[in-house]
Every structure is written in structure tokens, then in C-alpha cells.
N, C-alpha and C. Protein backbone atom coordinates (compact mmCIF):
# COMPACT_ATOMS: atom_id res chain seq x y z
N MET A 1 141.43 81.44 180.09
CA MET A 1 140.99 80.77 178.92
C MET A 1 140.64 81.80 177.86
N ARG A 2 141.08 81.44 176.77
CA ARG A 2 140.88 82.34 175.65
C ARG A 2 139.58 82.03 174.94
N THR A 3 138.84 83.08 174.66
CA THR A 3 137.60 82.86 173.92
C THR A 3 137.86 83.09 172.43
N LYS A 4 137.19 82.34 171.70
CA LYS A 4 137.33 82.48 170.24
C LYS A 4 136.52 83.67 169.78
N ARG A 5 137.17 84.44 168.99
CA ARG A 5 136.45 85.57 168.41
C ARG A 5 135.75 85.10 167.14
N PRO A 6 134.58 85.61 166.98
CA PRO A 6 133.93 85.24 165.72
C PRO A 6 134.69 85.86 164.55
N PRO A 7 134.78 85.15 163.47
CA PRO A 7 135.51 85.70 162.33
C PRO A 7 134.87 87.02 161.90
N GLU A 8 135.71 87.89 161.45
CA GLU A 8 135.19 89.18 161.02
C GLU A 8 134.16 88.97 159.91
N ALA A 9 133.19 89.81 159.97
CA ALA A 9 132.15 89.70 158.94
C ALA A 9 132.76 89.91 157.57
N MET A 10 132.55 88.96 156.72
CA MET A 10 133.11 89.04 155.38
C MET A 10 132.32 90.07 154.57
N LYS A 11 133.03 90.85 153.84
CA LYS A 11 132.36 91.83 153.00
C LYS A 11 131.79 91.11 151.78
N ILE A 12 130.50 91.25 151.63
CA ILE A 12 129.84 90.61 150.50
C ILE A 12 129.51 91.71 149.48
N GLN A 13 130.01 91.57 148.28
CA GLN A 13 129.74 92.52 147.20
C GLN A 13 129.12 91.77 146.03
N PRO A 14 128.08 92.36 145.46
CA PRO A 14 127.51 91.71 144.28
C PRO A 14 128.49 91.81 143.12
N PRO A 15 128.43 90.88 142.20
CA PRO A 15 129.33 90.95 141.04
C PRO A 15 128.97 92.16 140.17
N LEU A 16 129.94 92.97 139.85
CA LEU A 16 129.70 94.20 139.09
C LEU A 16 129.79 94.03 137.58
N ILE A 17 130.39 92.98 137.13
CA ILE A 17 130.56 92.79 135.68
C ILE A 17 129.21 92.68 134.96
N PRO A 18 128.23 91.89 135.44
CA PRO A 18 126.94 91.86 134.75
C PRO A 18 126.23 93.22 134.76
N VAL A 19 126.39 93.97 135.84
CA VAL A 19 125.77 95.29 135.90
C VAL A 19 126.39 96.22 134.86
N ILE A 20 127.69 96.17 134.71
CA ILE A 20 128.37 97.01 133.72
C ILE A 20 127.95 96.59 132.31
N ASP A 21 127.80 95.30 132.08
CA ASP A 21 127.36 94.81 130.77
C ASP A 21 125.97 95.36 130.43
N VAL A 22 125.07 95.32 131.38
CA VAL A 22 123.70 95.81 131.14
C VAL A 22 123.72 97.31 130.87
N VAL A 23 124.51 98.06 131.61
CA VAL A 23 124.59 99.51 131.42
C VAL A 23 125.11 99.82 130.02
N PHE A 24 126.14 99.12 129.58
CA PHE A 24 126.67 99.36 128.23
C PHE A 24 125.68 98.94 127.16
N ASP A 25 124.95 97.85 127.38
CA ASP A 25 123.93 97.43 126.41
C ASP A 25 122.85 98.50 126.27
N LEU A 26 122.41 99.05 127.39
CA LEU A 26 121.40 100.11 127.33
C LEU A 26 121.96 101.37 126.66
N LEU A 27 123.18 101.69 126.92
CA LEU A 27 123.80 102.85 126.29
C LEU A 27 123.86 102.68 124.78
N ILE A 28 124.30 101.54 124.33
CA ILE A 28 124.37 101.26 122.89
C ILE A 28 122.97 101.27 122.28
N PHE A 29 122.00 100.70 122.95
CA PHE A 29 120.63 100.65 122.46
C PHE A 29 120.10 102.06 122.22
N PHE A 30 120.25 102.95 123.20
CA PHE A 30 119.70 104.28 123.06
C PHE A 30 120.50 105.16 122.12
N LEU A 31 121.74 104.83 121.86
CA LEU A 31 122.51 105.58 120.88
C LEU A 31 122.16 105.17 119.45
N LEU A 32 121.84 103.90 119.24
CA LEU A 32 121.62 103.41 117.88
C LEU A 32 120.17 103.51 117.42
N ILE A 33 119.23 103.50 118.32
CA ILE A 33 117.82 103.57 117.94
C ILE A 33 117.44 105.03 117.77
N PRO A 34 116.94 105.42 116.57
CA PRO A 34 116.59 106.83 116.35
C PRO A 34 115.33 107.19 117.13
N SER A 35 115.29 108.41 117.54
CA SER A 35 114.13 108.89 118.28
C SER A 35 113.08 109.36 117.28
N THR A 36 111.88 108.81 117.34
CA THR A 36 110.81 109.20 116.42
C THR A 36 109.74 110.02 117.11
N SER A 37 109.91 110.32 118.38
CA SER A 37 108.88 111.07 119.10
C SER A 37 108.79 112.51 118.62
N GLN A 38 109.87 113.10 118.18
CA GLN A 38 109.85 114.49 117.75
C GLN A 38 109.34 114.64 116.32
N SER A 39 109.39 113.61 115.54
CA SER A 39 109.03 113.73 114.13
C SER A 39 107.72 113.02 113.80
N ASP A 40 106.90 112.74 114.76
CA ASP A 40 105.58 112.13 114.54
C ASP A 40 105.66 110.84 113.75
N GLY A 41 106.59 109.99 114.06
CA GLY A 41 106.68 108.69 113.43
C GLY A 41 107.51 108.64 112.16
N TYR A 42 108.03 109.77 111.71
CA TYR A 42 108.85 109.79 110.51
C TYR A 42 110.31 109.87 110.91
N LEU A 43 111.13 109.16 110.21
CA LEU A 43 112.55 109.22 110.47
C LEU A 43 113.13 110.45 109.77
N THR A 44 113.87 111.23 110.51
CA THR A 44 114.48 112.41 109.92
C THR A 44 115.83 112.03 109.32
N THR A 45 116.19 112.72 108.27
CA THR A 45 117.48 112.46 107.65
C THR A 45 118.26 113.76 107.56
N ASN A 46 119.53 113.65 107.62
CA ASN A 46 120.41 114.80 107.46
C ASN A 46 121.16 114.62 106.15
N LEU A 47 120.63 115.20 105.09
CA LEU A 47 121.27 115.09 103.79
C LEU A 47 122.30 116.20 103.63
N PRO A 48 123.35 115.95 102.90
CA PRO A 48 124.35 116.99 102.70
C PRO A 48 123.78 118.14 101.88
N GLU A 49 124.25 119.34 102.18
CA GLU A 49 123.76 120.51 101.47
C GLU A 49 124.40 120.66 100.09
N SER A 50 125.61 120.19 99.94
CA SER A 50 126.28 120.32 98.65
C SER A 50 126.02 119.06 97.82
N GLU A 51 126.28 119.18 96.55
CA GLU A 51 126.09 118.04 95.66
C GLU A 51 127.27 117.08 95.79
N GLY A 52 127.01 115.86 95.43
CA GLY A 52 128.06 114.85 95.47
C GLY A 52 128.97 114.98 94.27
N PRO A 53 129.85 114.01 94.10
CA PRO A 53 130.76 114.08 92.95
C PRO A 53 129.98 113.97 91.65
N VAL A 54 130.47 114.66 90.66
CA VAL A 54 129.82 114.67 89.35
C VAL A 54 130.12 113.34 88.66
N SER A 55 129.07 112.71 88.19
CA SER A 55 129.23 111.43 87.51
C SER A 55 129.60 111.67 86.05
N THR A 56 130.46 110.82 85.55
CA THR A 56 130.84 110.92 84.15
C THR A 56 129.88 110.15 83.26
N LYS A 57 129.03 109.34 83.89
CA LYS A 57 128.05 108.57 83.11
C LYS A 57 126.91 109.49 82.69
N LYS A 58 126.44 109.30 81.49
CA LYS A 58 125.30 110.07 81.03
C LYS A 58 124.03 109.37 81.47
N VAL A 59 123.07 110.18 81.91
CA VAL A 59 121.79 109.63 82.32
C VAL A 59 120.96 109.38 81.07
N ILE A 60 120.49 108.17 80.95
CA ILE A 60 119.69 107.81 79.78
C ILE A 60 118.22 107.85 80.20
N HIS A 61 117.47 108.70 79.55
CA HIS A 61 116.04 108.78 79.82
C HIS A 61 115.33 107.88 78.81
N GLU A 62 114.83 106.79 79.32
CA GLU A 62 114.17 105.83 78.45
C GLU A 62 112.73 106.26 78.22
N GLU A 63 112.31 106.16 76.99
CA GLU A 63 110.92 106.49 76.69
C GLU A 63 110.02 105.42 77.27
N ARG A 64 108.83 105.82 77.61
CA ARG A 64 107.87 104.87 78.17
C ARG A 64 106.47 105.35 77.86
N ILE A 65 105.56 104.42 77.99
CA ILE A 65 104.14 104.73 77.84
C ILE A 65 103.57 104.83 79.25
N LYS A 66 102.91 105.94 79.53
CA LYS A 66 102.39 106.15 80.87
C LYS A 66 100.86 106.09 80.84
N ILE A 67 100.32 105.28 81.75
CA ILE A 67 98.87 105.17 81.92
C ILE A 67 98.54 105.71 83.31
N GLU A 68 97.87 106.86 83.35
CA GLU A 68 97.46 107.42 84.63
C GLU A 68 96.02 107.01 84.93
N LEU A 69 95.79 106.53 86.13
CA LEU A 69 94.47 106.12 86.57
C LEU A 69 94.05 107.03 87.72
N LEU A 70 93.09 107.91 87.45
CA LEU A 70 92.64 108.89 88.43
C LEU A 70 91.26 108.49 88.95
N ASP A 71 91.11 108.50 90.26
CA ASP A 71 89.82 108.14 90.83
C ASP A 71 88.81 109.24 90.56
N SER A 72 87.56 108.86 90.36
CA SER A 72 86.49 109.83 90.16
C SER A 72 85.18 109.22 90.66
N GLY A 73 84.20 110.05 90.80
CA GLY A 73 82.92 109.58 91.29
C GLY A 73 82.90 109.49 92.81
N VAL A 74 81.72 109.17 93.33
CA VAL A 74 81.56 109.02 94.77
C VAL A 74 82.28 107.76 95.22
N ASN A 75 83.10 107.87 96.27
CA ASN A 75 83.87 106.74 96.81
C ASN A 75 84.76 106.09 95.76
N ALA A 76 85.23 106.86 94.82
CA ALA A 76 86.16 106.38 93.77
C ALA A 76 85.62 105.16 93.05
N GLU A 77 84.33 105.20 92.73
CA GLU A 77 83.72 104.05 92.05
C GLU A 77 83.98 104.05 90.54
N LYS A 78 84.54 105.15 90.04
CA LYS A 78 84.90 105.23 88.63
C LYS A 78 86.37 105.60 88.52
N CYS A 79 86.89 105.46 87.32
CA CYS A 79 88.31 105.74 87.10
C CYS A 79 88.46 106.49 85.78
N GLU A 80 89.20 107.60 85.82
CA GLU A 80 89.51 108.34 84.61
C GLU A 80 90.89 107.89 84.12
N ILE A 81 90.98 107.59 82.82
CA ILE A 81 92.21 107.06 82.24
C ILE A 81 92.85 108.13 81.36
N ILE A 82 94.15 108.35 81.56
CA ILE A 82 94.92 109.26 80.71
C ILE A 82 96.09 108.45 80.14
N LEU A 83 96.16 108.37 78.82
CA LEU A 83 97.21 107.60 78.14
C LEU A 83 98.26 108.55 77.62
N THR A 84 99.50 108.31 77.92
CA THR A 84 100.67 109.08 77.50
C THR A 84 100.51 110.58 77.75
N GLU A 85 99.89 110.93 78.86
CA GLU A 85 99.73 112.29 79.35
C GLU A 85 98.98 113.22 78.40
N THR A 86 98.40 112.70 77.34
CA THR A 86 97.69 113.57 76.41
C THR A 86 96.28 113.07 76.07
N LYS A 87 96.11 111.78 75.98
CA LYS A 87 94.82 111.25 75.54
C LYS A 87 93.96 110.89 76.74
N GLU A 88 92.85 111.61 76.90
CA GLU A 88 91.91 111.30 77.98
C GLU A 88 90.88 110.31 77.43
N LEU A 89 90.78 109.17 78.06
CA LEU A 89 89.92 108.10 77.55
C LEU A 89 88.67 107.88 78.41
N GLY A 90 88.40 108.76 79.36
CA GLY A 90 87.26 108.56 80.24
C GLY A 90 87.50 107.37 81.15
N SER A 91 86.51 106.49 81.22
CA SER A 91 86.69 105.29 82.05
C SER A 91 86.56 104.03 81.19
N ASN A 92 86.90 104.12 79.93
CA ASN A 92 86.74 103.03 78.98
C ASN A 92 88.07 102.27 78.83
N PHE A 93 88.15 101.11 79.46
CA PHE A 93 89.37 100.31 79.37
C PHE A 93 89.52 99.63 78.01
N ASP A 94 88.41 99.46 77.28
CA ASP A 94 88.51 98.94 75.91
C ASP A 94 89.21 99.97 75.01
N ALA A 95 88.91 101.26 75.25
CA ALA A 95 89.58 102.31 74.48
C ALA A 95 91.07 102.36 74.85
N LEU A 96 91.40 102.09 76.11
CA LEU A 96 92.80 102.02 76.52
C LEU A 96 93.51 100.89 75.78
N ARG A 97 92.89 99.72 75.76
CA ARG A 97 93.49 98.58 75.05
C ARG A 97 93.68 98.91 73.58
N ASP A 98 92.65 99.51 72.95
CA ASP A 98 92.76 99.86 71.53
C ASP A 98 93.85 100.90 71.29
N GLY A 99 93.97 101.88 72.19
CA GLY A 99 95.02 102.89 72.05
C GLY A 99 96.40 102.29 72.19
N LEU A 100 96.55 101.32 73.10
CA LEU A 100 97.83 100.64 73.26
C LEU A 100 98.15 99.77 72.05
N ILE A 101 97.12 99.15 71.47
CA ILE A 101 97.33 98.34 70.26
C ILE A 101 97.77 99.23 69.10
N VAL A 102 97.20 100.43 69.00
CA VAL A 102 97.60 101.37 67.94
C VAL A 102 99.07 101.77 68.13
N LEU A 103 99.46 102.04 69.38
CA LEU A 103 100.86 102.38 69.64
C LEU A 103 101.78 101.20 69.31
N ARG A 104 101.34 100.02 69.63
CA ARG A 104 102.14 98.80 69.38
C ARG A 104 102.27 98.54 67.89
N SER A 105 101.18 98.74 67.16
CA SER A 105 101.23 98.49 65.72
C SER A 105 101.97 99.62 64.99
N GLY A 106 102.18 100.75 65.68
CA GLY A 106 102.93 101.86 65.08
C GLY A 106 104.44 101.64 65.11
N GLY A 107 104.87 100.48 65.56
CA GLY A 107 106.29 100.17 65.52
C GLY A 107 106.95 100.11 66.88
N MET A 108 106.19 100.26 67.95
CA MET A 108 106.81 100.18 69.28
C MET A 108 107.12 98.73 69.62
N SER A 109 108.23 98.56 70.29
CA SER A 109 108.65 97.22 70.69
C SER A 109 107.78 96.72 71.84
N ASP A 110 107.67 95.40 71.93
CA ASP A 110 106.91 94.84 73.04
C ASP A 110 107.67 95.00 74.37
N LYS A 111 108.94 95.40 74.27
CA LYS A 111 109.75 95.62 75.47
C LYS A 111 109.71 97.08 75.93
N MET A 112 108.95 97.92 75.23
CA MET A 112 108.80 99.32 75.64
C MET A 112 108.12 99.35 77.01
N PRO A 113 108.70 100.07 78.00
CA PRO A 113 108.09 100.08 79.33
C PRO A 113 106.72 100.76 79.33
N VAL A 114 105.78 100.12 79.98
CA VAL A 114 104.45 100.68 80.18
C VAL A 114 104.32 100.92 81.68
N LEU A 115 104.14 102.18 82.07
CA LEU A 115 104.06 102.54 83.48
C LEU A 115 102.61 102.82 83.83
N ILE A 116 102.09 102.05 84.79
CA ILE A 116 100.73 102.26 85.28
C ILE A 116 100.85 103.07 86.56
N ALA A 117 100.30 104.29 86.56
CA ALA A 117 100.42 105.22 87.70
C ALA A 117 99.04 105.53 88.26
N PRO A 118 98.60 104.78 89.27
CA PRO A 118 97.28 105.06 89.86
C PRO A 118 97.36 106.18 90.89
N SER A 119 96.23 106.86 91.09
CA SER A 119 96.16 107.82 92.19
C SER A 119 95.96 107.05 93.49
N MET A 120 96.06 107.74 94.62
CA MET A 120 96.02 107.09 95.92
C MET A 120 94.68 106.40 96.17
N ALA A 121 93.59 107.00 95.74
CA ALA A 121 92.27 106.44 96.03
C ALA A 121 91.76 105.52 94.91
N CYS A 122 92.56 105.30 93.89
CA CYS A 122 92.14 104.44 92.78
C CYS A 122 92.00 103.00 93.26
N ARG A 123 90.91 102.39 92.89
CA ARG A 123 90.65 101.02 93.34
C ARG A 123 91.55 100.03 92.60
N GLN A 124 91.80 98.93 93.27
CA GLN A 124 92.72 97.93 92.73
C GLN A 124 92.18 97.29 91.46
N LYS A 125 90.87 97.17 91.35
CA LYS A 125 90.31 96.53 90.16
C LYS A 125 90.62 97.34 88.90
N PHE A 126 90.72 98.69 89.03
CA PHE A 126 91.05 99.51 87.87
C PHE A 126 92.53 99.33 87.48
N VAL A 127 93.38 99.15 88.47
CA VAL A 127 94.80 98.91 88.19
C VAL A 127 94.96 97.58 87.45
N VAL A 128 94.20 96.58 87.89
CA VAL A 128 94.26 95.27 87.23
C VAL A 128 93.71 95.36 85.82
N GLN A 129 92.65 96.14 85.61
CA GLN A 129 92.09 96.29 84.26
C GLN A 129 93.10 97.01 83.35
N GLY A 130 93.82 98.00 83.88
CA GLY A 130 94.86 98.66 83.10
C GLY A 130 95.98 97.70 82.74
N PHE A 131 96.36 96.86 83.70
CA PHE A 131 97.38 95.83 83.45
C PHE A 131 96.91 94.87 82.36
N ASP A 132 95.66 94.43 82.47
CA ASP A 132 95.10 93.50 81.47
C ASP A 132 95.09 94.13 80.07
N ALA A 133 94.78 95.44 79.99
CA ALA A 133 94.77 96.12 78.69
C ALA A 133 96.17 96.15 78.09
N ALA A 134 97.18 96.39 78.92
CA ALA A 134 98.56 96.43 78.42
C ALA A 134 99.02 95.04 77.97
N VAL A 135 98.63 94.01 78.70
CA VAL A 135 98.99 92.64 78.31
C VAL A 135 98.28 92.27 77.01
N ALA A 136 97.00 92.66 76.90
CA ALA A 136 96.24 92.34 75.69
C ALA A 136 96.83 93.05 74.47
N ALA A 137 97.46 94.21 74.67
CA ALA A 137 98.07 94.92 73.55
C ALA A 137 99.43 94.33 73.17
N GLY A 138 99.95 93.40 73.98
CA GLY A 138 101.18 92.71 73.63
C GLY A 138 102.44 93.25 74.31
N PHE A 139 102.28 94.15 75.26
CA PHE A 139 103.45 94.68 75.97
C PHE A 139 103.89 93.70 77.05
N LYS A 140 105.22 93.61 77.24
CA LYS A 140 105.75 92.65 78.21
C LYS A 140 106.48 93.31 79.37
N ASN A 141 106.83 94.58 79.25
CA ASN A 141 107.54 95.30 80.30
C ASN A 141 106.57 96.28 80.96
N ILE A 142 105.77 95.77 81.89
CA ILE A 142 104.75 96.58 82.55
C ILE A 142 105.21 96.87 83.97
N GLN A 143 105.22 98.15 84.32
CA GLN A 143 105.69 98.59 85.63
C GLN A 143 104.58 99.35 86.34
N PHE A 144 104.71 99.42 87.66
CA PHE A 144 103.72 100.12 88.46
C PHE A 144 104.40 101.25 89.24
N ALA A 145 103.78 102.41 89.26
CA ALA A 145 104.30 103.54 90.03
C ALA A 145 103.64 103.54 91.41
N VAL A 146 104.29 104.17 92.35
CA VAL A 146 103.73 104.30 93.69
C VAL A 146 102.54 105.25 93.59
N PRO A 147 101.40 104.89 94.20
CA PRO A 147 100.23 105.78 94.13
C PRO A 147 100.54 107.15 94.69
N TYR A 148 100.01 108.16 94.06
CA TYR A 148 100.21 109.54 94.49
C TYR A 148 98.87 110.13 94.86
N GLU A 149 98.93 111.29 95.54
CA GLU A 149 97.69 111.96 95.95
C GLU A 149 97.14 112.80 94.85
């Protein structure tokens, strides 16, 4: 009598396609995400050393009125105002408004850009007061610069 042999053990292999997909996903992830550990949280850039193509367009430097707001006093509780890089007005925003009105009445257009440039520690209320002075003088193109140190 013949005995039945048990069927040979079937080779069981896990599906490899999902594993390959995950490996490629991780590879793409680590290639595309910049490493910030070496630069203390700043992204490094590799800018070209040579200049780019020369533009045929002329750069137009538009005139503007610049209002610098510098923090002063303990805990920046005061603000020093400099109008058009020459006139120091102390911390008097009424004098700033009057100076802007004089510039406006001198023939400047209401579309002349007014740039408000606060220092890094300058309080927001002083920036708003500078904005209010420019609006009160009749200027309509008021811009803000990034605070500097």
C-alpha cells in the first residue's frame, strides 16, 4: 500500500513590491528635504559666482520719502524719528506730520512712496503713529520696510 506523501512545503514569500515602494519613497524624501542640522536652522544656498546675463532694461530708482523709527529709552519706550535721512525730529509725531505736510505742499504727489523703516526693537504703536502721520499729510502710497537691527 502506498502512503501519501505530504505535499512539499510551499515556499511563502512576502510581497516585495510594497517594500520596494517604501524604500523608494524614503530615498526620494531624504534627497529632496534639505538638511538643516549643519546650518543651525538656516537653509544654505549655492549662488553662482559669476553674474547673470546683462539686462538691457534700465533700472529706475524711484524717489521716496523715508521715515526711520529708531527705538530709544529703557525697553524701547521712546522712538527717535528721522525724516528723509536728514531731519531728526526727536520723538514728536506731530512734527513728523507737519514735516510731511510741508513736503506735500511743496509739490510732491500724493502717490510719492513713503517708506516707514522701523528698527527691530521699535514698538508697533510708533509704527502706527508714523503711518497715521503719513495718512494725515495726504500720502496714499505708504510702504513698510523689514525691521533692521
